[in-house]
Amino acid sequence: MFNLFKSDKPERPADVKSIRYELLQFIKQELQKAEGGEGGNIRGLILYVNAPAADIPMYEAAVYTEEPEVFKDEVQRIADDYAVNLPQSWLMEVLFTEEFPPEAIRAAKLDAAFFIKTSKNFIKQSAVAYIRPLSGETEQQEYKLTSDAEKLHIGRDKKAQGDDGFFRTNHIAFPSESQSDANKYVSRQHARIEWNNDAGRFMLFADDGGIPPRNKIKIRSEKSEDIIKLTSTHIGHQLQEGDQIILGESAVLEFSYQPAVNE
């Protein structure tokens, strides 16, 4: 009789810390199903969020939107605890969406759903995108990227010699002899762009010259005023329409799926 007014609905978290805790518990619950070394078949993990507008900032903070590698590291620790041997190149995606895909598993206490990409649902994808300089001088005014191409190197000068003595070709090159001051702050081995078929996205990675204490890489999204910083050479950023890639002090590249309009 004392439970007459007790609700059957689970209590929903209402702050950043509790949302993060429940998200990780939810992911842990699903990853447990793949324990015992089956993680080698996993190509990526996708967390979908469909929360009311007022709650979005809490979810963004809970998954470390500005430092996505932090949330990925926490998920990696969960996988390690349960002997889920994720491949080295696995990808963690957090997508804010208006509806959940039917294949995703819904969380009980959260406005979230989870999906594990495996070899079974792997589909070869293709895409074309473009890179254009907004600040600084590059050898071309527009660069075409395709999902069939290998990684595209970004740096100062076409042929650049690294600290190891080896030369590499920068496909997107900022010439040293340019009159633009922005070029001075671009490293010889600054960044690279690669296609990730699991995510269906072009990924931006920092190279040795693009992480502190050397020069830096930041991304300003067209959809948000937040600035994302890359601090690791092995954790990339999924490029989205309108992203501005800031190299060093003031060199800026724009990423777009739309070609330039010639007037």
C-alpha atoms as a PDB file:
ATOM      1  CA  MET A   1       0.000   0.000   0.000  1.00  0.00           C
ATOM      2  CA  PHE A   2       2.933   2.304   0.549  1.00  0.00           C
ATOM      3  CA  ASN A   3       3.839   2.027  -3.161  1.00  0.00           C
ATOM      4  CA  LEU A   4       0.440   3.268  -4.293  1.00  0.00           C
ATOM      5  CA  PHE A   5       1.798   6.529  -5.689  1.00  0.00           C
ATOM      6  CA  LYS A   6       5.206   5.251  -6.819  1.00  0.00           C
ATOM      7  CA  SER A   7       5.938   5.849 -10.514  1.00  0.00           C
ATOM      8  CA  ASP A   8       7.113   2.991 -12.719  1.00  0.00           C
ATOM      9  CA  LYS A   9       9.145   5.421 -14.852  1.00  0.00           C
ATOM     10  CA  PRO A  10      12.880   5.438 -14.135  1.00  0.00           C
ATOM     11  CA  GLU A  11      14.267   8.606 -12.601  1.00  0.00           C
ATOM     12  CA  ARG A  12      15.874  10.740 -15.292  1.00  0.00           C
ATOM     13  CA  PRO A  13      19.244  12.443 -14.672  1.00  0.00           C
ATOM     14  CA  ALA A  14      19.015  16.212 -14.493  1.00  0.00           C
ATOM     15  CA  ASP A  15      22.621  17.458 -14.414  1.00  0.00           C
ATOM     16  CA  VAL A  16      25.811  17.012 -16.444  1.00  0.00           C
ATOM     17  CA  LYS A  17      27.507  14.605 -14.048  1.00  0.00           C
ATOM     18  CA  SER A  18      24.536  12.250 -13.767  1.00  0.00           C
ATOM     19  CA  ILE A  19      23.867  12.359 -17.537  1.00  0.00           C
ATOM     20  CA  ARG A  20      27.503  11.412 -18.223  1.00  0.00           C
ATOM     21  CA  TYR A  21      27.294   8.599 -15.678  1.00  0.00           C
ATOM     22  CA  GLU A  22      24.108   7.175 -17.195  1.00  0.00           C
ATOM     23  CA  LEU A  23      25.482   7.473 -20.748  1.00  0.00           C
ATOM     24  CA  LEU A  24      28.574   5.493 -19.799  1.00  0.00           C
ATOM     25  CA  GLN A  25      26.485   2.909 -17.929  1.00  0.00           C
ATOM     26  CA  PHE A  26      24.279   2.558 -20.995  1.00  0.00           C
ATOM     27  CA  ILE A  27      27.286   2.087 -23.293  1.00  0.00           C
ATOM     28  CA  LYS A  28      28.840  -0.363 -20.835  1.00  0.00           C
ATOM     29  CA  GLN A  29      25.650  -2.419 -20.826  1.00  0.00           C
ATOM     30  CA  GLU A  30      25.732  -2.731 -24.622  1.00  0.00           C
ATOM     31  CA  LEU A  31      29.481  -3.379 -24.842  1.00  0.00           C
ATOM     32  CA  GLN A  32      29.175  -6.208 -22.311  1.00  0.00           C
ATOM     33  CA  LYS A  33      27.316  -8.140 -24.986  1.00  0.00           C
ATOM     34  CA  ALA A  34      30.506  -8.082 -27.091  1.00  0.00           C
ATOM     35  CA  GLU A  35      32.914  -9.148 -24.354  1.00  0.00           C
ATOM     36  CA  GLY A  36      35.315 -12.036 -24.846  1.00  0.00           C
ATOM     37  CA  GLY A  37      37.380 -10.641 -27.703  1.00  0.00           C
ATOM     38  CA  GLU A  38      34.539 -10.021 -30.139  1.00  0.00           C
ATOM     39  CA  GLY A  39      35.372  -6.333 -30.319  1.00  0.00           C
ATOM     40  CA  GLY A  40      37.626  -6.925 -33.319  1.00  0.00           C
ATOM     41  CA  ASN A  41      34.509  -6.924 -35.497  1.00  0.00           C
ATOM     42  CA  ILE A  42      33.471  -3.498 -34.226  1.00  0.00           C
ATOM     43  CA  ARG A  43      34.235  -0.664 -36.624  1.00  0.00           C
ATOM     44  CA  GLY A  44      32.667   2.164 -34.628  1.00  0.00           C
ATOM     45  CA  LEU A  45      30.278   3.185 -31.874  1.00  0.00           C
ATOM     46  CA  ILE A  46      27.557   5.767 -32.425  1.00  0.00           C
ATOM     47  CA  LEU A  47      25.758   7.583 -29.627  1.00  0.00           C
ATOM     48  CA  TYR A  48      22.641   9.438 -30.794  1.00  0.00           C
ATOM     49  CA  VAL A  49      21.174  12.266 -28.722  1.00  0.00           C
ATOM     50  CA  ASN A  50      17.651  13.605 -29.254  1.00  0.00           C
ATOM     51  CA  ALA A  51      17.045  15.859 -26.266  1.00  0.00           C
ATOM     52  CA  PRO A  52      14.869  18.952 -25.732  1.00  0.00           C
ATOM     53  CA  ALA A  53      16.627  22.180 -26.700  1.00  0.00           C
ATOM     54  CA  ALA A  54      16.944  23.217 -23.054  1.00  0.00           C
ATOM     55  CA  ASP A  55      18.854  20.007 -22.233  1.00  0.00           C
ATOM     56  CA  ILE A  56      21.244  20.031 -25.196  1.00  0.00           C
ATOM     57  CA  PRO A  57      23.964  22.061 -23.384  1.00  0.00           C
ATOM     58  CA  MET A  58      24.014  19.474 -20.573  1.00  0.00           C
ATOM     59  CA  TYR A  59      24.401  16.611 -23.032  1.00  0.00           C
ATOM     60  CA  GLU A  60      27.132  18.508 -24.920  1.00  0.00           C
ATOM     61  CA  ALA A  61      29.051  18.982 -21.676  1.00  0.00           C
ATOM     62  CA  ALA A  62      28.448  15.358 -20.661  1.00  0.00           C
ATOM     63  CA  VAL A  63      30.152  14.021 -23.810  1.00  0.00           C
ATOM     64  CA  TYR A  64      32.895  16.682 -23.851  1.00  0.00           C
ATOM     65  CA  THR A  65      31.853  18.116 -27.234  1.00  0.00           C
ATOM     66  CA  GLU A  66      34.880  20.439 -27.321  1.00  0.00           C
ATOM     67  CA  GLU A  67      37.276  17.585 -26.444  1.00  0.00           C
ATOM     68  CA  PRO A  68      35.739  14.448 -27.999  1.00  0.00           C
ATOM     69  CA  GLU A  69      38.842  12.374 -27.314  1.00  0.00           C
ATOM     70  CA  VAL A  70      38.094  12.587 -23.557  1.00  0.00           C
ATOM     71  CA  PHE A  71      34.746  10.816 -23.927  1.00  0.00           C
ATOM     72  CA  LYS A  72      36.263   8.280 -26.325  1.00  0.00           C
ATOM     73  CA  ASP A  73      39.001   7.517 -23.786  1.00  0.00           C
ATOM     74  CA  GLU A  74      36.364   6.822 -21.113  1.00  0.00           C
ATOM     75  CA  VAL A  75      34.562   4.428 -23.456  1.00  0.00           C
ATOM     76  CA  GLN A  76      37.903   2.762 -24.277  1.00  0.00           C
ATOM     77  CA  ARG A  77      38.464   2.132 -20.566  1.00  0.00           C
ATOM     78  CA  ILE A  78      35.067   0.455 -20.339  1.00  0.00           C
ATOM     79  CA  ALA A  79      35.935  -1.763 -23.317  1.00  0.00           C
ATOM     80  CA  ASP A  80      39.265  -2.674 -21.707  1.00  0.00           C
ATOM     81  CA  ASP A  81      37.555  -3.577 -18.414  1.00  0.00           C
ATOM     82  CA  TYR A  82      35.323  -6.052 -20.225  1.00  0.00           C
ATOM     83  CA  ALA A  83      38.008  -7.417 -22.562  1.00  0.00           C
ATOM     84  CA  VAL A  84      36.281  -5.969 -25.616  1.00  0.00           C
ATOM     85  CA  ASN A  85      39.276  -5.782 -27.932  1.00  0.00           C
ATOM     86  CA  LEU A  86      38.338  -2.790 -30.041  1.00  0.00           C
ATOM     87  CA  PRO A  87      40.505  -2.356 -33.164  1.00  0.00           C
ATOM     88  CA  GLN A  88      43.067   0.441 -33.055  1.00  0.00           C
ATOM     89  CA  SER A  89      41.195   2.521 -35.633  1.00  0.00           C
ATOM     90  CA  TRP A  90      37.739   2.337 -33.996  1.00  0.00           C
ATOM     91  CA  LEU A  91      35.649   5.515 -34.155  1.00  0.00           C
ATOM     92  CA  MET A  92      33.420   7.078 -31.501  1.00  0.00           C
ATOM     93  CA  GLU A  93      30.650   9.274 -32.895  1.00  0.00           C
ATOM     94  CA  VAL A  94      28.224  11.431 -30.942  1.00  0.00           C
ATOM     95  CA  LEU A  95      25.422  12.709 -33.163  1.00  0.00           C
ATOM     96  CA  PHE A  96      22.717  15.158 -32.129  1.00  0.00           C
ATOM     97  CA  THR A  97      19.701  14.234 -34.201  1.00  0.00           C
ATOM     98  CA  GLU A  98      15.971  14.892 -34.495  1.00  0.00           C
ATOM     99  CA  GLU A  99      15.085  11.202 -34.581  1.00  0.00           C
ATOM    100  CA  PHE A 100      16.724   7.884 -33.762  1.00  0.00           C
ATOM    101  CA  PRO A 101      17.466   5.397 -36.546  1.00  0.00           C
ATOM    102  CA  PRO A 102      15.458   2.180 -36.198  1.00  0.00           C
ATOM    103  CA  GLU A 103      18.561   0.034 -35.699  1.00  0.00           C
ATOM    104  CA  ALA A 104      19.724   2.025 -32.652  1.00  0.00           C
ATOM    105  CA  ILE A 105      18.995   0.809 -29.104  1.00  0.00           C
ATOM    106  CA  ARG A 106      17.112   3.321 -26.955  1.00  0.00           C
ATOM    107  CA  ALA A 107      18.247   4.210 -23.439  1.00  0.00           C
ATOM    108  CA  ALA A 108      15.686   3.909 -20.648  1.00  0.00           C
ATOM    109  CA  LYS A 109      16.632   6.997 -18.626  1.00  0.00           C
ATOM    110  CA  LEU A 110      18.080   9.234 -21.339  1.00  0.00           C
ATOM    111  CA  ASP A 111      17.227  11.023 -24.557  1.00  0.00           C
ATOM    112  CA  ALA A 112      19.837   8.852 -26.238  1.00  0.00           C
ATOM    113  CA  ALA A 113      20.290   5.730 -28.339  1.00  0.00           C
ATOM    114  CA  PHE A 114      23.307   3.589 -29.171  1.00  0.00           C
ATOM    115  CA  PHE A 115      24.459   1.636 -32.217  1.00  0.00           C
ATOM    116  CA  ILE A 116      27.493  -0.583 -32.745  1.00  0.00           C
ATOM    117  CA  LYS A 117      28.888  -0.648 -36.281  1.00  0.00           C
ATOM    118  CA  THR A 118      30.320  -4.035 -37.178  1.00  0.00           C
ATOM    119  CA  SER A 119      31.777  -5.713 -40.242  1.00  0.00           C
ATOM    120  CA  LYS A 120      28.311  -7.103 -41.000  1.00  0.00           C
ATOM    121  CA  ASN A 121      26.802  -3.665 -41.605  1.00  0.00           C
ATOM    122  CA  PHE A 122      29.861  -2.265 -43.403  1.00  0.00           C
ATOM    123  CA  ILE A 123      29.028  -0.517 -46.690  1.00  0.00           C
ATOM    124  CA  LYS A 124      31.538   1.159 -48.991  1.00  0.00           C
ATOM    125  CA  GLN A 125      30.654   4.843 -49.157  1.00  0.00           C
ATOM    126  CA  SER A 126      31.807   7.680 -51.370  1.00  0.00           C
ATOM    127  CA  ALA A 127      31.921  11.450 -51.151  1.00  0.00           C
ATOM    128  CA  VAL A 128      33.488  14.566 -52.659  1.00  0.00           C
ATOM    129  CA  ALA A 129      34.417  17.715 -50.751  1.00  0.00           C
ATOM    130  CA  TYR A 130      36.441  20.898 -51.237  1.00  0.00           C
ATOM    131  CA  ILE A 131      39.016  22.891 -49.283  1.00  0.00           C
ATOM    132  CA  ARG A 132      39.485  26.619 -49.860  1.00  0.00           C
ATOM    133  CA  PRO A 133      41.807  29.139 -48.136  1.00  0.00           C
ATOM    134  CA  LEU A 134      40.099  31.988 -46.271  1.00  0.00           C
ATOM    135  CA  SER A 135      43.302  33.366 -44.757  1.00  0.00           C
ATOM    136  CA  GLY A 136      46.856  32.683 -45.845  1.00  0.00           C
ATOM    137  CA  GLU A 137      48.061  31.808 -49.332  1.00  0.00           C
ATOM    138  CA  THR A 138      47.971  28.272 -50.745  1.00  0.00           C
ATOM    139  CA  GLU A 139      49.237  27.044 -54.101  1.00  0.00           C
ATOM    140  CA  GLN A 140      45.675  26.501 -55.328  1.00  0.00           C
ATOM    141  CA  GLN A 141      42.466  28.389 -54.632  1.00  0.00           C
ATOM    142  CA  GLU A 142      40.472  25.209 -54.301  1.00  0.00           C
ATOM    143  CA  TYR A 143      41.339  21.564 -53.552  1.00  0.00           C
ATOM    144  CA  LYS A 144      39.048  18.674 -54.366  1.00  0.00           C
ATOM    145  CA  LEU A 145      38.887  15.763 -51.909  1.00  0.00           C
ATOM    146  CA  THR A 146      37.521  12.336 -52.788  1.00  0.00           C
ATOM    147  CA  SER A 147      36.838   9.297 -50.632  1.00  0.00           C
ATOM    148  CA  ASP A 148      38.938   7.185 -53.023  1.00  0.00           C
ATOM    149  CA  ALA A 149      42.097   9.201 -52.426  1.00  0.00           C
ATOM    150  CA  GLU A 150      44.720   8.494 -49.811  1.00  0.00           C
ATOM    151  CA  LYS A 151      45.432  10.950 -47.007  1.00  0.00           C
ATOM    152  CA  LEU A 152      45.976  14.604 -47.944  1.00  0.00           C
ATOM    153  CA  HIS A 153      48.866  16.320 -46.160  1.00  0.00           C
ATOM    154  CA  ILE A 154      48.652  19.988 -45.137  1.00  0.00           C
ATOM    155  CA  GLY A 155      51.736  22.063 -44.369  1.00  0.00           C
ATOM    156  CA  ARG A 156      54.219  24.755 -45.302  1.00  0.00           C
ATOM    157  CA  ASP A 157      55.825  24.248 -48.723  1.00  0.00           C
ATOM    158  CA  LYS A 158      55.114  21.509 -51.245  1.00  0.00           C
ATOM    159  CA  LYS A 159      58.156  19.445 -50.276  1.00  0.00           C
ATOM    160  CA  ALA A 160      58.814  19.491 -46.555  1.00  0.00           C
ATOM    161  CA  GLN A 161      61.553  17.798 -44.551  1.00  0.00           C
ATOM    162  CA  GLY A 162      60.604  16.591 -41.093  1.00  0.00           C
ATOM    163  CA  ASP A 163      62.719  16.253 -37.965  1.00  0.00           C
ATOM    164  CA  ASP A 164      63.363  12.627 -38.915  1.00  0.00           C
ATOM    165  CA  GLY A 165      65.079  13.758 -42.109  1.00  0.00           C
ATOM    166  CA  PHE A 166      62.449  12.335 -44.431  1.00  0.00           C
ATOM    167  CA  PHE A 167      60.610  14.451 -46.987  1.00  0.00           C
ATOM    168  CA  ARG A 168      56.883  14.439 -47.550  1.00  0.00           C
ATOM    169  CA  THR A 169      54.616  16.059 -50.113  1.00  0.00           C
ATOM    170  CA  ASN A 170      52.083  18.549 -48.825  1.00  0.00           C
ATOM    171  CA  HIS A 171      49.065  18.323 -51.104  1.00  0.00           C
ATOM    172  CA  ILE A 172      47.653  21.527 -49.570  1.00  0.00           C
ATOM    173  CA  ALA A 173      50.735  23.726 -49.372  1.00  0.00           C
ATOM    174  CA  PHE A 174      51.338  27.202 -47.898  1.00  0.00           C
ATOM    175  CA  PRO A 175      54.477  28.535 -49.701  1.00  0.00           C
ATOM    176  CA  SER A 176      57.216  30.029 -47.519  1.00  0.00           C
ATOM    177  CA  GLU A 177      57.894  32.813 -50.034  1.00  0.00           C
ATOM    178  CA  SER A 178      54.330  34.099 -49.728  1.00  0.00           C
ATOM    179  CA  GLN A 179      53.733  37.690 -48.654  1.00  0.00           C
ATOM    180  CA  SER A 180      51.020  36.483 -46.274  1.00  0.00           C
ATOM    181  CA  ASP A 181      52.107  36.533 -42.625  1.00  0.00           C
ATOM    182  CA  ALA A 182      49.713  33.679 -41.905  1.00  0.00           C
ATOM    183  CA  ASN A 183      51.926  31.266 -43.852  1.00  0.00           C
ATOM    184  CA  LYS A 184      54.787  31.762 -41.389  1.00  0.00           C
ATOM    185  CA  TYR A 185      52.864  29.983 -38.638  1.00  0.00           C
ATOM    186  CA  VAL A 186      51.999  26.857 -40.620  1.00  0.00           C
ATOM    187  CA  SER A 187      54.272  23.925 -39.775  1.00  0.00           C
ATOM    188  CA  ARG A 188      55.944  21.802 -42.422  1.00  0.00           C
ATOM    189  CA  GLN A 189      54.020  18.776 -41.138  1.00  0.00           C
ATOM    190  CA  HIS A 190      50.897  20.380 -39.761  1.00  0.00           C
ATOM    191  CA  ALA A 191      47.834  18.228 -40.499  1.00  0.00           C
ATOM    192  CA  ARG A 192      46.222  15.652 -42.747  1.00  0.00           C
ATOM    193  CA  ILE A 193      42.742  14.790 -43.992  1.00  0.00           C
ATOM    194  CA  GLU A 194      41.626  11.188 -44.418  1.00  0.00           C
ATOM    195  CA  TRP A 195      38.365   9.536 -45.475  1.00  0.00           C
ATOM    196  CA  ASN A 196      36.811   7.269 -42.837  1.00  0.00           C
ATOM    197  CA  ASN A 197      34.407   4.878 -44.475  1.00  0.00           C
ATOM    198  CA  ASP A 198      32.990   3.631 -41.162  1.00  0.00           C
ATOM    199  CA  ALA A 199      31.796   7.132 -40.311  1.00  0.00           C
ATOM    200  CA  GLY A 200      31.135   8.212 -43.886  1.00  0.00           C
ATOM    201  CA  ARG A 201      33.093  11.393 -43.126  1.00  0.00           C
ATOM    202  CA  PHE A 202      36.318  13.174 -43.961  1.00  0.00           C
ATOM    203  CA  MET A 203      38.492  13.295 -40.838  1.00  0.00           C
ATOM    204  CA  LEU A 204      41.018  15.972 -39.879  1.00  0.00           C
ATOM    205  CA  PHE A 205      44.072  14.853 -37.894  1.00  0.00           C
ATOM    206  CA  ALA A 206      46.915  16.854 -36.409  1.00  0.00           C
ATOM    207  CA  ASP A 207      50.455  15.880 -37.389  1.00  0.00           C
ATOM    208  CA  ASP A 208      53.511  16.334 -35.162  1.00  0.00           C
ATOM    209  CA  GLY A 209      53.913  19.987 -36.145  1.00  0.00           C
ATOM    210  CA  GLY A 210      50.274  20.769 -35.395  1.00  0.00           C
ATOM    211  CA  ILE A 211      50.090  19.903 -31.712  1.00  0.00           C
ATOM    212  CA  PRO A 212      51.432  21.776 -28.691  1.00  0.00           C
ATOM    213  CA  PRO A 213      54.065  22.850 -27.837  1.00  0.00           C
ATOM    214  CA  ARG A 214      54.519  23.550 -31.533  1.00  0.00           C
ATOM    215  CA  ASN A 215      51.810  25.096 -33.658  1.00  0.00           C
ATOM    216  CA  LYS A 216      48.148  24.356 -33.150  1.00  0.00           C
ATOM    217  CA  ILE A 217      44.998  23.258 -34.968  1.00  0.00           C
ATOM    218  CA  LYS A 218      41.561  24.558 -34.081  1.00  0.00           C
ATOM    219  CA  ILE A 219      38.194  24.044 -35.736  1.00  0.00           C
ATOM    220  CA  ARG A 220      35.347  26.548 -35.720  1.00  0.00           C
ATOM    221  CA  SER A 221      32.031  24.985 -36.666  1.00  0.00           C
ATOM    222  CA  GLU A 222      29.463  26.767 -38.799  1.00  0.00           C
ATOM    223  CA  LYS A 223      26.753  25.418 -36.485  1.00  0.00           C
ATOM    224  CA  SER A 224      28.340  26.528 -33.229  1.00  0.00           C
ATOM    225  CA  GLU A 225      30.543  29.249 -31.771  1.00  0.00           C
ATOM    226  CA  ASP A 226      32.577  26.623 -29.911  1.00  0.00           C
ATOM    227  CA  ILE A 227      36.243  26.167 -30.813  1.00  0.00           C
ATOM    228  CA  ILE A 228      37.517  22.578 -30.986  1.00  0.00           C
ATOM    229  CA  LYS A 229      41.228  21.983 -30.425  1.00  0.00           C
ATOM    230  CA  LEU A 230      43.171  18.957 -31.665  1.00  0.00           C
ATOM    231  CA  THR A 231      45.775  17.890 -29.125  1.00  0.00           C
ATOM    232  CA  SER A 232      46.599  14.378 -30.354  1.00  0.00           C
ATOM    233  CA  THR A 233      47.889  12.945 -33.634  1.00  0.00           C
ATOM    234  CA  HIS A 234      45.669   9.838 -33.499  1.00  0.00           C
ATOM    235  CA  ILE A 235      42.270  11.285 -32.534  1.00  0.00           C
ATOM    236  CA  GLY A 236      40.634  13.130 -35.408  1.00  0.00           C
ATOM    237  CA  HIS A 237      37.759  15.521 -35.983  1.00  0.00           C
ATOM    238  CA  GLN A 238      34.852  14.709 -38.297  1.00  0.00           C
ATOM    239  CA  LEU A 239      34.677  17.571 -40.760  1.00  0.00           C
ATOM    240  CA  GLN A 240      31.252  19.061 -41.375  1.00  0.00           C
ATOM    241  CA  GLU A 241      29.901  21.546 -43.899  1.00  0.00           C
ATOM    242  CA  GLY A 242      31.347  25.007 -43.308  1.00  0.00           C
ATOM    243  CA  ASP A 243      34.001  23.979 -40.778  1.00  0.00           C
ATOM    244  CA  GLN A 244      36.903  26.424 -40.600  1.00  0.00           C
ATOM    245  CA  ILE A 245      40.301  24.844 -39.967  1.00  0.00           C
ATOM    246  CA  ILE A 246      42.639  27.262 -38.190  1.00  0.00           C
ATOM    247  CA  LEU A 247      46.343  26.461 -38.574  1.00  0.00           C
ATOM    248  CA  GLY A 248      48.868  28.189 -36.338  1.00  0.00           C
ATOM    249  CA  GLU A 249      48.017  31.818 -35.659  1.00  0.00           C
ATOM    250  CA  SER A 250      45.863  32.909 -38.561  1.00  0.00           C
ATOM    251  CA  ALA A 251      45.897  30.583 -41.593  1.00  0.00           C
ATOM    252  CA  VAL A 252      42.329  29.396 -42.198  1.00  0.00           C
ATOM    253  CA  LEU A 253      40.931  26.734 -44.533  1.00  0.00           C
ATOM    254  CA  GLU A 254      37.234  26.190 -45.183  1.00  0.00           C
ATOM    255  CA  PHE A 255      35.761  22.715 -45.667  1.00  0.00           C
ATOM    256  CA  SER A 256      32.689  22.333 -47.866  1.00  0.00           C
ATOM    257  CA  TYR A 257      30.823  19.722 -49.885  1.00  0.00           C
ATOM    258  CA  GLN A 258      29.931  22.456 -52.363  1.00  0.00           C
ATOM    259  CA  PRO A 259      32.290  23.553 -55.168  1.00  0.00           C
ATOM    260  CA  ALA A 260      33.185  27.213 -55.548  1.00  0.00           C
ATOM    261  CA  VAL A 261      30.848  29.344 -57.670  1.00  0.00           C
ATOM    262  CA  ASN A 262      32.783  31.015 -60.472  1.00  0.00           C
ATOM    263  CA  GLU A 263      31.306  34.403 -61.230  1.00  0.00           C
END
